Amino acid sequence: MLTAHQLNETAQYCFGDEINFLHEVSLYWCDKAVMIGAGPGVMALALLEEQDEEFEFDIIDVNTCHWVKAHLEAAGLLHDKIHFIHADSKTWGKMYDEQPISFLIIDGDHSYEGVLGDLRAWYPHVEPDGLIFLHDVIDLEQNGTNGVLQAIQDFDQPLELVEKVGISHVYRKPG
């Protein structure tokens, strides 16, 4: 069965201790998770492979979720509480009317406008004390298109930095 670490060896998507952090989060924080940006599925695998119980998990991407779905299937982790949503995350966030989110991953549009738009659209749906994982805060590509850190700094709602892991920052929405 495919694991997050195995997939990451090929896809090189997570850095440092990000996979292990996601394993821990899945055990203690996940009643409802939303991941913006499907990617190859490394983070989805990391959240699901340590779970004994199925939890609600929405994966949202403007592109196809083909690879993440294929990798979850190869790992034997697909279940009926995983929802693949082909949509603009900001538009979907404004329409979202499901249970509060305990863990939100933002890893979609890395532009300043994209990240700030995702934060504004999804923050109201994160439960008090819920976690927000922002990937690619450290810009490895350095091509001038990454606005993650600036968007976090300019966001006008309270966020408490919990941890810096790999190239990501994890924040808590104050309760």
C-alpha atoms as a PDB file:
ATOM      1  CA  MET A   1       0.000   0.000   0.000  1.00  0.00           C
ATOM      2  CA  LEU A   2       1.201   3.482  -0.883  1.00  0.00           C
ATOM      3  CA  THR A   3       2.207   5.793   1.993  1.00  0.00           C
ATOM      4  CA  ALA A   4       2.647   9.554   2.204  1.00  0.00           C
ATOM      5  CA  HIS A   5       6.405   9.148   2.693  1.00  0.00           C
ATOM      6  CA  GLN A   6       6.674   6.909  -0.394  1.00  0.00           C
ATOM      7  CA  LEU A   7       4.670   9.299  -2.562  1.00  0.00           C
ATOM      8  CA  ASN A   8       6.677  12.244  -1.250  1.00  0.00           C
ATOM      9  CA  GLU A   9       9.923  10.570  -2.349  1.00  0.00           C
ATOM     10  CA  THR A  10       8.616  10.826  -5.914  1.00  0.00           C
ATOM     11  CA  ALA A  11       6.538  14.000  -5.758  1.00  0.00           C
ATOM     12  CA  GLN A  12       8.705  15.980  -3.264  1.00  0.00           C
ATOM     13  CA  TYR A  13       5.749  17.932  -1.989  1.00  0.00           C
ATOM     14  CA  CYS A  14       6.228  18.037   1.788  1.00  0.00           C
ATOM     15  CA  PHE A  15       9.378  19.181   3.541  1.00  0.00           C
ATOM     16  CA  GLY A  16      10.933  18.720   6.958  1.00  0.00           C
ATOM     17  CA  ASP A  17       8.506  17.239   9.463  1.00  0.00           C
ATOM     18  CA  GLU A  18       5.299  18.196   7.609  1.00  0.00           C
ATOM     19  CA  ILE A  19       4.122  14.603   7.030  1.00  0.00           C
ATOM     20  CA  ASN A  20       4.691  13.644  10.664  1.00  0.00           C
ATOM     21  CA  PHE A  21       2.913  16.808  11.801  1.00  0.00           C
ATOM     22  CA  LEU A  22      -0.082  15.925   9.612  1.00  0.00           C
ATOM     23  CA  HIS A  23      -0.097  12.401  11.081  1.00  0.00           C
ATOM     24  CA  GLU A  24      -0.336  13.901  14.576  1.00  0.00           C
ATOM     25  CA  VAL A  25      -3.042  16.382  13.583  1.00  0.00           C
ATOM     26  CA  SER A  26      -5.152  13.625  12.066  1.00  0.00           C
ATOM     27  CA  LEU A  27      -5.142  11.702  15.335  1.00  0.00           C
ATOM     28  CA  TYR A  28      -6.163  14.607  17.591  1.00  0.00           C
ATOM     29  CA  TRP A  29      -7.719  17.436  15.545  1.00  0.00           C
ATOM     30  CA  CYS A  30      -9.703  15.993  12.660  1.00  0.00           C
ATOM     31  CA  ASP A  31     -13.450  15.826  12.939  1.00  0.00           C
ATOM     32  CA  LYS A  32     -13.786  17.779   9.702  1.00  0.00           C
ATOM     33  CA  ALA A  33     -10.905  18.720   7.415  1.00  0.00           C
ATOM     34  CA  VAL A  34     -10.842  20.841   4.271  1.00  0.00           C
ATOM     35  CA  MET A  35      -7.848  20.924   1.943  1.00  0.00           C
ATOM     36  CA  ILE A  36      -7.597  23.658  -0.662  1.00  0.00           C
ATOM     37  CA  GLY A  37      -5.327  22.471  -3.450  1.00  0.00           C
ATOM     38  CA  ALA A  38      -5.251  18.744  -4.163  1.00  0.00           C
ATOM     39  CA  GLY A  39      -1.712  18.370  -5.462  1.00  0.00           C
ATOM     40  CA  PRO A  40      -0.504  14.788  -5.822  1.00  0.00           C
ATOM     41  CA  GLY A  41      -2.138  13.753  -2.542  1.00  0.00           C
ATOM     42  CA  VAL A  42       0.843  13.616  -0.178  1.00  0.00           C
ATOM     43  CA  MET A  43      -0.904  15.721   2.473  1.00  0.00           C
ATOM     44  CA  ALA A  44      -4.198  13.856   2.026  1.00  0.00           C
ATOM     45  CA  LEU A  45      -2.394  10.526   2.486  1.00  0.00           C
ATOM     46  CA  ALA A  46      -0.638  11.865   5.590  1.00  0.00           C
ATOM     47  CA  LEU A  47      -3.955  12.889   7.154  1.00  0.00           C
ATOM     48  CA  LEU A  48      -5.755   9.656   6.336  1.00  0.00           C
ATOM     49  CA  GLU A  49      -3.177   6.906   6.799  1.00  0.00           C
ATOM     50  CA  GLU A  50      -2.970   7.224  10.601  1.00  0.00           C
ATOM     51  CA  GLN A  51      -6.738   7.336  11.112  1.00  0.00           C
ATOM     52  CA  ASP A  52      -8.690   4.479  12.662  1.00  0.00           C
ATOM     53  CA  GLU A  53     -12.024   6.191  12.047  1.00  0.00           C
ATOM     54  CA  GLU A  54     -13.271   7.901   8.925  1.00  0.00           C
ATOM     55  CA  PHE A  55     -13.760  11.667   9.174  1.00  0.00           C
ATOM     56  CA  GLU A  56     -15.305  14.220   6.848  1.00  0.00           C
ATOM     57  CA  PHE A  57     -12.700  15.470   4.389  1.00  0.00           C
ATOM     58  CA  ASP A  58     -13.306  17.898   1.518  1.00  0.00           C
ATOM     59  CA  ILE A  59     -10.585  18.296  -1.108  1.00  0.00           C
ATOM     60  CA  ILE A  60     -11.102  21.368  -3.293  1.00  0.00           C
ATOM     61  CA  ASP A  61      -9.205  22.266  -6.443  1.00  0.00           C
ATOM     62  CA  VAL A  62      -9.870  24.254  -9.617  1.00  0.00           C
ATOM     63  CA  ASN A  63      -8.025  21.521 -11.486  1.00  0.00           C
ATOM     64  CA  THR A  64      -8.794  17.856 -11.530  1.00  0.00           C
ATOM     65  CA  CYS A  65      -8.391  15.819  -8.350  1.00  0.00           C
ATOM     66  CA  HIS A  66      -7.359  12.825 -10.467  1.00  0.00           C
ATOM     67  CA  TRP A  67      -3.932  12.253  -8.883  1.00  0.00           C
ATOM     68  CA  VAL A  68      -4.984  12.605  -5.267  1.00  0.00           C
ATOM     69  CA  LYS A  69      -7.926  10.277  -5.879  1.00  0.00           C
ATOM     70  CA  ALA A  70      -5.706   7.704  -7.624  1.00  0.00           C
ATOM     71  CA  HIS A  71      -3.129   7.826  -4.837  1.00  0.00           C
ATOM     72  CA  LEU A  72      -5.753   7.488  -2.094  1.00  0.00           C
ATOM     73  CA  GLU A  73      -7.190   4.517  -3.951  1.00  0.00           C
ATOM     74  CA  ALA A  74      -3.716   2.939  -4.279  1.00  0.00           C
ATOM     75  CA  ALA A  75      -3.294   3.363  -0.534  1.00  0.00           C
ATOM     76  CA  GLY A  76      -6.700   1.812   0.182  1.00  0.00           C
ATOM     77  CA  LEU A  77      -7.883   5.005   1.881  1.00  0.00           C
ATOM     78  CA  LEU A  78     -10.859   6.110  -0.227  1.00  0.00           C
ATOM     79  CA  HIS A  79     -14.125   6.228   1.717  1.00  0.00           C
ATOM     80  CA  ASP A  80     -17.507   7.883   1.334  1.00  0.00           C
ATOM     81  CA  LYS A  81     -16.680  10.784   3.689  1.00  0.00           C
ATOM     82  CA  ILE A  82     -14.032  12.105   1.283  1.00  0.00           C
ATOM     83  CA  HIS A  83     -15.475  14.637  -1.152  1.00  0.00           C
ATOM     84  CA  PHE A  84     -13.597  15.796  -4.242  1.00  0.00           C
ATOM     85  CA  ILE A  85     -14.815  19.237  -5.252  1.00  0.00           C
ATOM     86  CA  HIS A  86     -13.809  20.734  -8.600  1.00  0.00           C
ATOM     87  CA  ALA A  87     -14.375  24.435  -7.923  1.00  0.00           C
ATOM     88  CA  ASP A  88     -12.790  27.768  -7.121  1.00  0.00           C
ATOM     89  CA  SER A  89     -11.976  27.576  -3.405  1.00  0.00           C
ATOM     90  CA  LYS A  90     -12.949  31.164  -2.678  1.00  0.00           C
ATOM     91  CA  THR A  91     -16.360  30.781  -4.336  1.00  0.00           C
ATOM     92  CA  TRP A  92     -16.947  27.421  -2.646  1.00  0.00           C
ATOM     93  CA  GLY A  93     -15.914  28.857   0.729  1.00  0.00           C
ATOM     94  CA  LYS A  94     -18.523  31.598   0.498  1.00  0.00           C
ATOM     95  CA  MET A  95     -21.223  28.958  -0.205  1.00  0.00           C
ATOM     96  CA  TYR A  96     -20.014  26.430   2.396  1.00  0.00           C
ATOM     97  CA  ASP A  97     -22.756  25.505   4.875  1.00  0.00           C
ATOM     98  CA  GLU A  98     -21.564  22.243   6.428  1.00  0.00           C
ATOM     99  CA  GLN A  99     -20.182  21.419   9.872  1.00  0.00           C
ATOM    100  CA  PRO A 100     -17.416  23.618  11.313  1.00  0.00           C
ATOM    101  CA  ILE A 101     -13.894  22.775  10.192  1.00  0.00           C
ATOM    102  CA  SER A 102     -11.369  21.554  12.754  1.00  0.00           C
ATOM    103  CA  PHE A 103      -8.420  21.528  10.321  1.00  0.00           C
ATOM    104  CA  LEU A 104      -8.009  23.677   7.206  1.00  0.00           C
ATOM    105  CA  ILE A 105      -5.125  23.304   4.745  1.00  0.00           C
ATOM    106  CA  ILE A 106      -4.548  26.207   2.369  1.00  0.00           C
ATOM    107  CA  ASP A 107      -2.293  25.154  -0.493  1.00  0.00           C
ATOM    108  CA  GLY A 108      -4.061  26.355  -3.640  1.00  0.00           C
ATOM    109  CA  ASP A 109      -3.410  29.650  -5.390  1.00  0.00           C
ATOM    110  CA  HIS A 110      -0.177  30.928  -3.804  1.00  0.00           C
ATOM    111  CA  SER A 111      -0.583  34.501  -5.018  1.00  0.00           C
ATOM    112  CA  TYR A 112      -1.210  37.189  -2.412  1.00  0.00           C
ATOM    113  CA  GLU A 113      -4.789  37.646  -3.666  1.00  0.00           C
ATOM    114  CA  GLY A 114      -5.391  33.888  -3.748  1.00  0.00           C
ATOM    115  CA  VAL A 115      -4.227  33.206  -0.194  1.00  0.00           C
ATOM    116  CA  LEU A 116      -5.927  36.277   1.264  1.00  0.00           C
ATOM    117  CA  GLY A 117      -9.134  35.341  -0.574  1.00  0.00           C
ATOM    118  CA  ASP A 118      -8.995  31.782   0.807  1.00  0.00           C
ATOM    119  CA  LEU A 119      -8.369  33.047   4.334  1.00  0.00           C
ATOM    120  CA  ARG A 120     -11.318  35.443   4.104  1.00  0.00           C
ATOM    121  CA  ALA A 121     -13.657  32.843   2.574  1.00  0.00           C
ATOM    122  CA  TRP A 122     -12.788  29.953   4.917  1.00  0.00           C
ATOM    123  CA  TYR A 123     -11.838  31.537   8.254  1.00  0.00           C
ATOM    124  CA  PRO A 124     -15.496  31.951   9.342  1.00  0.00           C
ATOM    125  CA  HIS A 125     -16.000  28.187   8.912  1.00  0.00           C
ATOM    126  CA  VAL A 126     -13.061  27.154  11.108  1.00  0.00           C
ATOM    127  CA  GLU A 127     -14.231  26.235  14.592  1.00  0.00           C
ATOM    128  CA  PRO A 128     -12.810  28.082  17.612  1.00  0.00           C
ATOM    129  CA  ASP A 129      -9.396  26.579  18.433  1.00  0.00           C
ATOM    130  CA  GLY A 130      -9.338  24.968  14.961  1.00  0.00           C
ATOM    131  CA  LEU A 131      -6.061  24.824  13.051  1.00  0.00           C
ATOM    132  CA  ILE A 132      -5.134  26.461   9.750  1.00  0.00           C
ATOM    133  CA  PHE A 133      -2.136  24.965   7.931  1.00  0.00           C
ATOM    134  CA  LEU A 134      -0.649  27.294   5.331  1.00  0.00           C
ATOM    135  CA  HIS A 135       1.738  25.487   2.990  1.00  0.00           C
ATOM    136  CA  ASP A 136       4.567  27.147   1.074  1.00  0.00           C
ATOM    137  CA  VAL A 137       5.023  30.074   3.451  1.00  0.00           C
ATOM    138  CA  ILE A 138       8.700  29.717   2.661  1.00  0.00           C
ATOM    139  CA  ASP A 139       8.976  30.350  -1.071  1.00  0.00           C
ATOM    140  CA  LEU A 140      11.338  27.716  -2.446  1.00  0.00           C
ATOM    141  CA  GLU A 141      10.764  28.734  -6.072  1.00  0.00           C
ATOM    142  CA  GLN A 142      11.561  32.407  -5.439  1.00  0.00           C
ATOM    143  CA  ASN A 143       9.921  33.465  -8.675  1.00  0.00           C
ATOM    144  CA  GLY A 144       7.988  36.393  -7.220  1.00  0.00           C
ATOM    145  CA  THR A 145       4.556  34.759  -7.408  1.00  0.00           C
ATOM    146  CA  ASN A 146       4.300  33.516  -3.811  1.00  0.00           C
ATOM    147  CA  GLY A 147       2.253  35.853  -1.617  1.00  0.00           C
ATOM    148  CA  VAL A 148       1.531  33.458   1.247  1.00  0.00           C
ATOM    149  CA  LEU A 149       3.505  35.211   3.989  1.00  0.00           C
ATOM    150  CA  GLN A 150       2.330  38.697   3.014  1.00  0.00           C
ATOM    151  CA  ALA A 151      -1.310  37.541   2.910  1.00  0.00           C
ATOM    152  CA  ILE A 152      -0.996  36.088   6.428  1.00  0.00           C
ATOM    153  CA  GLN A 153       0.529  39.331   7.685  1.00  0.00           C
ATOM    154  CA  ASP A 154      -2.245  41.410   6.093  1.00  0.00           C
ATOM    155  CA  PHE A 155      -5.150  39.167   7.176  1.00  0.00           C
ATOM    156  CA  ASP A 156      -7.452  41.161   9.454  1.00  0.00           C
ATOM    157  CA  GLN A 157      -8.718  38.357  11.730  1.00  0.00           C
ATOM    158  CA  PRO A 158      -6.916  36.897  14.752  1.00  0.00           C
ATOM    159  CA  LEU A 159      -4.508  34.028  14.117  1.00  0.00           C
ATOM    160  CA  GLU A 160      -2.120  32.581  16.682  1.00  0.00           C
ATOM    161  CA  LEU A 161       1.036  30.948  15.334  1.00  0.00           C
ATOM    162  CA  VAL A 162       1.223  27.419  16.737  1.00  0.00           C
ATOM    163  CA  GLU A 163       4.171  25.969  14.878  1.00  0.00           C
ATOM    164  CA  LYS A 164       6.509  26.391  11.938  1.00  0.00           C
ATOM    165  CA  VAL A 165       7.012  23.028  10.280  1.00  0.00           C
ATOM    166  CA  GLY A 166       8.902  22.444   7.047  1.00  0.00           C
ATOM    167  CA  ILE A 167       7.935  25.274   4.701  1.00  0.00           C
ATOM    168  CA  SER A 168       4.561  25.756   6.392  1.00  0.00           C
ATOM    169  CA  HIS A 169       3.073  27.712   9.252  1.00  0.00           C
ATOM    170  CA  VAL A 170       0.268  26.383  11.430  1.00  0.00           C
ATOM    171  CA  TYR A 171      -2.124  28.836  13.081  1.00  0.00           C
ATOM    172  CA  ARG A 172      -4.913  28.453  15.610  1.00  0.00           C
ATOM    173  CA  LYS A 173      -8.143  30.402  15.379  1.00  0.00           C
ATOM    174  CA  PRO A 174      -8.595  31.783  18.905  1.00  0.00           C
ATOM    175  CA  GLY A 175     -11.576  30.330  20.764  1.00  0.00           C
END
